[in-house]
């Protein structure tokens, strides 16, 4: 049996975008929102999330995806990062939480 899909009302990322949950905002566009992770795995650990609610990347309209990587690039440059990971986890087996 598949895990239940999170609804818009219960989605932690939707709550962060709406400001219901505080965050340290880095970059915001009309399509995406980025902020520092509250439990960072490394210096500058940030998340870039779409303002369009979707459980998986392939459910997002292309314009949200096209807007996300330039945000990640801006964050990497601002941090002076020479080495970094850019990850996108989709589904439980891929460690999406």
N, C-alpha and C. Protein backbone atom coordinates (compact mmCIF):
# COMPACT_ATOMS: atom_id res chain seq x y z
N UNK A 1 0.83 -1.17 0.00
CA UNK A 1 0.00 0.00 0.00
C UNK A 1 0.89 1.25 0.00
N UNK A 2 0.56 2.20 -0.83
CA UNK A 2 1.35 3.43 -0.94
C UNK A 2 1.12 4.31 0.29
N UNK A 3 2.14 5.07 0.62
CA UNK A 3 2.02 6.01 1.74
C UNK A 3 1.05 7.12 1.36
N UNK A 4 0.30 7.64 2.32
CA UNK A 4 -0.64 8.71 2.00
C UNK A 4 0.08 9.96 1.52
N UNK A 5 -0.49 10.62 0.54
CA UNK A 5 0.08 11.85 0.01
C UNK A 5 -0.21 12.99 0.98
N UNK A 6 0.78 13.80 1.24
CA UNK A 6 0.58 14.96 2.11
C UNK A 6 -0.31 15.96 1.39
N UNK A 7 -1.21 16.54 2.14
CA UNK A 7 -2.09 17.55 1.57
C UNK A 7 -1.45 18.92 1.70
N UNK A 8 -2.00 19.85 0.98
CA UNK A 8 -1.52 21.22 1.03
C UNK A 8 -1.54 21.74 2.47
N UNK A 9 -2.60 21.41 3.21
CA UNK A 9 -2.75 21.89 4.58
C UNK A 9 -1.72 21.31 5.54
N UNK A 10 -1.25 20.09 5.28
CA UNK A 10 -0.30 19.45 6.19
C UNK A 10 1.15 19.53 5.72
N UNK A 11 1.40 20.12 4.57
CA UNK A 11 2.74 20.17 3.99
C UNK A 11 3.60 21.20 4.72
N UNK A 12 4.70 20.74 5.32
CA UNK A 12 5.58 21.64 6.06
C UNK A 12 6.16 22.72 5.16
N UNK A 13 6.46 22.38 3.90
CA UNK A 13 7.03 23.37 2.99
C UNK A 13 6.02 24.45 2.63
N UNK A 14 4.76 24.07 2.46
CA UNK A 14 3.72 25.07 2.19
C UNK A 14 3.57 26.01 3.39
N UNK A 15 3.70 25.46 4.59
CA UNK A 15 3.61 26.28 5.80
C UNK A 15 4.80 27.24 5.91
N UNK A 16 5.97 26.80 5.50
CA UNK A 16 7.15 27.67 5.50
C UNK A 16 6.96 28.81 4.50
N UNK A 17 6.50 28.48 3.30
CA UNK A 17 6.28 29.50 2.27
C UNK A 17 5.26 30.54 2.74
N UNK A 18 4.19 30.09 3.40
CA UNK A 18 3.15 31.00 3.88
C UNK A 18 3.60 31.81 5.09
N UNK A 19 4.69 31.42 5.73
CA UNK A 19 5.18 32.12 6.91
C UNK A 19 4.60 31.58 8.20
N UNK A 20 3.84 30.48 8.14
CA UNK A 20 3.29 29.87 9.34
C UNK A 20 4.38 29.23 10.19
N UNK A 21 5.46 28.80 9.54
CA UNK A 21 6.63 28.25 10.22
C UNK A 21 7.80 29.18 9.88
N UNK A 22 8.50 29.70 10.89
CA UNK A 22 9.60 30.63 10.60
C UNK A 22 10.76 29.95 9.88
N UNK A 23 11.45 30.74 9.06
CA UNK A 23 12.63 30.23 8.35
C UNK A 23 13.59 31.39 8.12
N UNK A 24 14.84 31.04 7.82
CA UNK A 24 15.84 32.03 7.45
C UNK A 24 15.89 32.07 5.93
N UNK A 25 15.12 32.99 5.35
CA UNK A 25 14.99 33.07 3.89
C UNK A 25 16.28 33.55 3.25
N UNK A 26 16.65 32.90 2.14
CA UNK A 26 17.84 33.28 1.38
C UNK A 26 17.46 34.00 0.10
N UNK A 27 16.68 33.35 -0.74
CA UNK A 27 16.26 33.90 -2.03
C UNK A 27 14.80 33.52 -2.24
N UNK A 28 14.02 34.48 -2.73
CA UNK A 28 12.63 34.18 -3.08
C UNK A 28 12.33 34.77 -4.44
N UNK A 29 11.69 33.98 -5.29
CA UNK A 29 11.21 34.45 -6.58
C UNK A 29 9.70 34.22 -6.62
N UNK A 30 9.08 34.55 -7.73
CA UNK A 30 7.65 34.29 -7.88
C UNK A 30 7.35 32.80 -7.85
N UNK A 31 8.33 31.96 -8.19
CA UNK A 31 8.10 30.53 -8.34
C UNK A 31 8.70 29.67 -7.24
N UNK A 32 9.77 30.13 -6.60
CA UNK A 32 10.49 29.31 -5.63
C UNK A 32 10.88 30.10 -4.39
N UNK A 33 11.22 29.36 -3.34
CA UNK A 33 11.59 29.93 -2.05
C UNK A 33 12.78 29.14 -1.53
N UNK A 34 13.80 29.81 -1.03
CA UNK A 34 14.96 29.08 -0.48
C UNK A 34 15.26 29.59 0.92
N UNK A 35 15.74 28.66 1.74
CA UNK A 35 16.00 28.98 3.14
C UNK A 35 17.05 28.02 3.69
N UNK A 36 17.65 28.41 4.82
CA UNK A 36 18.63 27.55 5.48
C UNK A 36 17.91 26.41 6.19
N UNK A 37 18.49 25.22 6.13
CA UNK A 37 17.93 24.05 6.80
C UNK A 37 18.07 24.22 8.31
N UNK A 38 17.05 23.83 9.08
CA UNK A 38 17.11 23.96 10.54
C UNK A 38 18.03 22.91 11.17
N UNK A 39 18.32 21.84 10.46
CA UNK A 39 19.24 20.81 10.93
C UNK A 39 20.31 20.57 9.89
N UNK A 40 21.18 21.56 9.67
CA UNK A 40 22.13 21.48 8.55
C UNK A 40 23.11 20.31 8.66
N UNK A 41 23.38 19.70 7.52
CA UNK A 41 24.38 18.64 7.43
C UNK A 41 25.75 19.20 7.10
N UNK A 42 25.78 20.46 6.64
CA UNK A 42 27.03 21.13 6.32
C UNK A 42 26.79 22.64 6.35
N UNK A 43 27.88 23.41 6.33
CA UNK A 43 27.78 24.87 6.31
C UNK A 43 26.98 25.31 5.09
N UNK A 44 25.98 26.13 5.30
CA UNK A 44 25.20 26.65 4.19
C UNK A 44 24.14 25.71 3.65
N UNK A 45 23.86 24.61 4.37
CA UNK A 45 22.84 23.65 3.93
C UNK A 45 21.52 24.39 3.74
N UNK A 46 21.09 24.48 2.50
CA UNK A 46 19.89 25.24 2.15
C UNK A 46 18.94 24.37 1.35
N UNK A 47 17.68 24.77 1.37
CA UNK A 47 16.67 24.10 0.56
C UNK A 47 16.09 25.12 -0.41
N UNK A 48 15.81 24.68 -1.61
CA UNK A 48 15.11 25.48 -2.61
C UNK A 48 13.83 24.72 -2.90
N UNK A 49 12.69 25.33 -2.58
CA UNK A 49 11.41 24.64 -2.73
C UNK A 49 10.48 25.41 -3.65
N UNK A 50 9.68 24.70 -4.45
CA UNK A 50 8.75 25.38 -5.34
C UNK A 50 7.54 25.91 -4.57
N UNK A 51 6.96 26.98 -5.05
CA UNK A 51 5.73 27.51 -4.47
C UNK A 51 4.51 26.77 -5.00
N UNK A 52 4.73 25.83 -5.87
CA UNK A 52 3.68 24.96 -6.41
C UNK A 52 3.72 23.66 -5.62
N UNK A 53 2.63 23.30 -4.96
CA UNK A 53 2.60 22.09 -4.14
C UNK A 53 2.63 20.86 -5.04
N UNK A 54 3.65 20.03 -4.84
CA UNK A 54 3.78 18.77 -5.58
C UNK A 54 4.59 17.82 -4.71
N UNK A 55 4.24 16.55 -4.75
CA UNK A 55 4.95 15.55 -3.95
C UNK A 55 6.27 15.16 -4.60
N UNK A 56 6.33 15.20 -5.92
CA UNK A 56 7.53 14.75 -6.63
C UNK A 56 7.89 15.70 -7.76
N UNK A 57 9.16 15.71 -8.12
CA UNK A 57 9.68 16.63 -9.12
C UNK A 57 8.94 16.55 -10.45
N UNK A 58 8.62 15.34 -10.90
CA UNK A 58 7.98 15.21 -12.22
C UNK A 58 6.55 15.77 -12.23
N UNK A 59 6.02 16.13 -11.07
CA UNK A 59 4.69 16.73 -10.99
C UNK A 59 4.73 18.26 -11.11
N UNK A 60 5.92 18.82 -11.11
CA UNK A 60 6.07 20.28 -11.17
C UNK A 60 6.04 20.79 -12.60
N UNK A 61 5.43 21.95 -12.83
CA UNK A 61 5.54 22.59 -14.13
C UNK A 61 7.00 22.96 -14.41
N UNK A 62 7.40 22.90 -15.65
CA UNK A 62 8.80 23.12 -16.04
C UNK A 62 9.35 24.47 -15.59
N UNK A 63 8.52 25.50 -15.56
CA UNK A 63 9.04 26.83 -15.20
C UNK A 63 9.53 26.88 -13.75
N UNK A 64 8.97 26.08 -12.87
CA UNK A 64 9.44 26.02 -11.49
C UNK A 64 10.82 25.35 -11.43
N UNK A 65 10.99 24.32 -12.22
CA UNK A 65 12.28 23.62 -12.28
C UNK A 65 13.35 24.53 -12.88
N UNK A 66 13.01 25.25 -13.94
CA UNK A 66 13.97 26.13 -14.60
C UNK A 66 14.40 27.28 -13.68
N UNK A 67 13.55 27.68 -12.77
CA UNK A 67 13.84 28.78 -11.85
C UNK A 67 14.69 28.33 -10.66
N UNK A 68 14.68 27.04 -10.34
CA UNK A 68 15.32 26.53 -9.12
C UNK A 68 16.85 26.51 -9.20
N UNK A 69 17.42 26.04 -10.30
CA UNK A 69 18.88 25.92 -10.37
C UNK A 69 19.61 27.26 -10.32
N UNK A 70 19.11 28.32 -10.96
CA UNK A 70 19.78 29.61 -10.78
C UNK A 70 19.79 30.08 -9.32
N UNK A 71 18.77 29.71 -8.56
CA UNK A 71 18.75 30.05 -7.13
C UNK A 71 19.86 29.28 -6.41
N UNK A 72 19.98 27.99 -6.69
CA UNK A 72 21.04 27.18 -6.09
C UNK A 72 22.41 27.74 -6.45
N UNK A 73 22.57 28.19 -7.68
CA UNK A 73 23.83 28.78 -8.12
C UNK A 73 24.14 30.05 -7.31
N UNK A 74 23.14 30.91 -7.12
CA UNK A 74 23.33 32.14 -6.34
C UNK A 74 23.77 31.83 -4.91
N UNK A 75 23.16 30.81 -4.32
CA UNK A 75 23.51 30.43 -2.95
C UNK A 75 24.95 29.92 -2.90
N UNK A 76 25.33 29.06 -3.84
CA UNK A 76 26.70 28.52 -3.87
C UNK A 76 27.72 29.64 -4.03
N UNK A 77 27.44 30.60 -4.90
CA UNK A 77 28.36 31.73 -5.11
C UNK A 77 28.45 32.59 -3.85
N UNK A 78 27.30 32.89 -3.24
CA UNK A 78 27.28 33.73 -2.04
C UNK A 78 28.05 33.08 -0.89
N UNK A 79 28.01 31.76 -0.82
CA UNK A 79 28.73 31.04 0.24
C UNK A 79 30.20 30.85 -0.08
N UNK A 80 30.58 31.10 -1.33
CA UNK A 80 31.95 30.86 -1.75
C UNK A 80 32.27 29.37 -1.82
N UNK A 81 31.26 28.58 -2.09
CA UNK A 81 31.43 27.12 -2.11
C UNK A 81 32.14 26.65 -3.36
N UNK A 82 33.23 25.90 -3.17
CA UNK A 82 33.91 25.27 -4.30
C UNK A 82 33.39 23.85 -4.50
N UNK A 83 32.94 23.24 -3.43
CA UNK A 83 32.44 21.87 -3.47
C UNK A 83 31.06 21.84 -2.81
N UNK A 84 30.10 21.22 -3.46
CA UNK A 84 28.75 21.19 -2.92
C UNK A 84 27.94 20.10 -3.60
N UNK A 85 26.84 19.74 -2.96
CA UNK A 85 25.87 18.79 -3.52
C UNK A 85 24.60 19.53 -3.85
N UNK A 86 23.96 19.11 -4.93
CA UNK A 86 22.61 19.55 -5.25
C UNK A 86 21.80 18.27 -5.38
N UNK A 87 20.84 18.10 -4.49
CA UNK A 87 20.08 16.86 -4.43
C UNK A 87 18.60 17.11 -4.65
N UNK A 88 17.92 16.11 -5.16
CA UNK A 88 16.47 16.13 -5.28
C UNK A 88 16.00 14.72 -4.97
N UNK A 89 15.38 14.52 -3.82
CA UNK A 89 14.91 13.20 -3.41
C UNK A 89 13.43 13.05 -3.73
N UNK A 90 13.06 11.94 -4.37
CA UNK A 90 11.67 11.71 -4.77
C UNK A 90 11.21 10.35 -4.27
N UNK A 91 10.37 10.34 -3.27
CA UNK A 91 9.81 9.10 -2.75
C UNK A 91 10.54 8.58 -1.53
N UNK A 92 9.87 7.71 -0.81
CA UNK A 92 10.38 7.16 0.45
C UNK A 92 11.73 6.47 0.27
N UNK A 93 11.87 5.64 -0.75
CA UNK A 93 13.12 4.89 -0.95
C UNK A 93 14.30 5.82 -1.26
N UNK A 94 14.00 7.02 -1.76
CA UNK A 94 15.03 8.02 -2.04
C UNK A 94 15.24 8.96 -0.85
N UNK A 95 14.66 8.62 0.28
CA UNK A 95 14.80 9.38 1.53
C UNK A 95 14.09 10.72 1.51
N UNK A 96 13.03 10.83 0.71
CA UNK A 96 12.20 12.03 0.75
C UNK A 96 11.39 11.98 2.04
N UNK A 97 11.40 13.07 2.79
CA UNK A 97 10.65 13.10 4.04
C UNK A 97 9.53 14.11 3.97
